[in-house]
Amino acid sequence: MLYKNLVKMITRGSYDKEDLLRKMDIYLLNNRITQEQYTELVALMA
């Protein structure tokens, strides 16, 4: 669920890159998203 919401945010462009990266780091450390999902989300931002 969190992953899908992050994908929607990124594809809409409604985010601050540095802020979202910090949040995603926390989600990754707390096992709310996987390493693969993290990598995909970062690639979407590029």
C-alpha atoms as a PDB file:
ATOM      1  CA  MET A   1       0.000   0.000   0.000  1.00  0.00           C
ATOM      2  CA  LEU A   2       2.721   2.469   0.963  1.00  0.00           C
ATOM      3  CA  TYR A   3       4.702   1.541  -2.143  1.00  0.00           C
ATOM      4  CA  LYS A   4       1.727   2.167  -4.430  1.00  0.00           C
ATOM      5  CA  ASN A   5       1.070   5.538  -2.810  1.00  0.00           C
ATOM      6  CA  LEU A   6       4.699   6.534  -3.269  1.00  0.00           C
ATOM      7  CA  VAL A   7       4.572   5.555  -6.939  1.00  0.00           C
ATOM      8  CA  LYS A   8       1.469   7.725  -7.416  1.00  0.00           C
ATOM      9  CA  MET A   9       3.117  10.693  -5.680  1.00  0.00           C
ATOM     10  CA  ILE A  10       6.241  10.414  -7.799  1.00  0.00           C
ATOM     11  CA  THR A  11       4.430   9.982 -11.112  1.00  0.00           C
ATOM     12  CA  ARG A  12       2.257  13.015 -10.344  1.00  0.00           C
ATOM     13  CA  GLY A  13       5.327  15.034  -9.440  1.00  0.00           C
ATOM     14  CA  SER A  14       3.842  16.131  -6.113  1.00  0.00           C
ATOM     15  CA  TYR A  15       6.914  15.743  -3.904  1.00  0.00           C
ATOM     16  CA  ASP A  16      10.122  17.408  -2.762  1.00  0.00           C
ATOM     17  CA  LYS A  17      12.926  15.074  -3.831  1.00  0.00           C
ATOM     18  CA  GLU A  18      15.205  15.502  -0.806  1.00  0.00           C
ATOM     19  CA  ASP A  19      12.324  15.241   1.650  1.00  0.00           C
ATOM     20  CA  LEU A  20      10.896  12.141   0.009  1.00  0.00           C
ATOM     21  CA  LEU A  21      14.312  10.464  -0.156  1.00  0.00           C
ATOM     22  CA  ARG A  22      14.724  10.989   3.606  1.00  0.00           C
ATOM     23  CA  LYS A  23      11.305   9.478   4.254  1.00  0.00           C
ATOM     24  CA  MET A  24      12.010   6.550   1.941  1.00  0.00           C
ATOM     25  CA  ASP A  25      15.271   5.884   3.797  1.00  0.00           C
ATOM     26  CA  ILE A  26      13.289   5.608   7.020  1.00  0.00           C
ATOM     27  CA  TYR A  27      10.685   3.363   5.385  1.00  0.00           C
ATOM     28  CA  LEU A  28      13.477   1.117   4.120  1.00  0.00           C
ATOM     29  CA  LEU A  29      15.176   0.933   7.522  1.00  0.00           C
ATOM     30  CA  ASN A  30      11.861   0.049   9.167  1.00  0.00           C
ATOM     31  CA  ASN A  31      11.073  -2.619   6.552  1.00  0.00           C
ATOM     32  CA  ARG A  32       8.018  -0.762   5.258  1.00  0.00           C
ATOM     33  CA  ILE A  33       9.423  -1.026   1.720  1.00  0.00           C
ATOM     34  CA  THR A  34      11.941  -3.489   0.275  1.00  0.00           C
ATOM     35  CA  GLN A  35      15.332  -2.668  -1.214  1.00  0.00           C
ATOM     36  CA  GLU A  36      13.945  -3.481  -4.665  1.00  0.00           C
ATOM     37  CA  GLN A  37      11.005  -1.105  -4.173  1.00  0.00           C
ATOM     38  CA  TYR A  38      13.351   1.600  -2.921  1.00  0.00           C
ATOM     39  CA  THR A  39      15.542   1.211  -5.999  1.00  0.00           C
ATOM     40  CA  GLU A  40      12.515   1.391  -8.302  1.00  0.00           C
ATOM     41  CA  LEU A  41      11.187   4.518  -6.576  1.00  0.00           C
ATOM     42  CA  VAL A  42      14.543   6.286  -6.830  1.00  0.00           C
ATOM     43  CA  ALA A  43      14.695   5.388 -10.527  1.00  0.00           C
ATOM     44  CA  LEU A  44      11.207   6.870 -11.033  1.00  0.00           C
ATOM     45  CA  MET A  45      12.433  10.170  -9.593  1.00  0.00           C
ATOM     46  CA  ALA A  46      15.189  10.437 -12.200  1.00  0.00           C
END
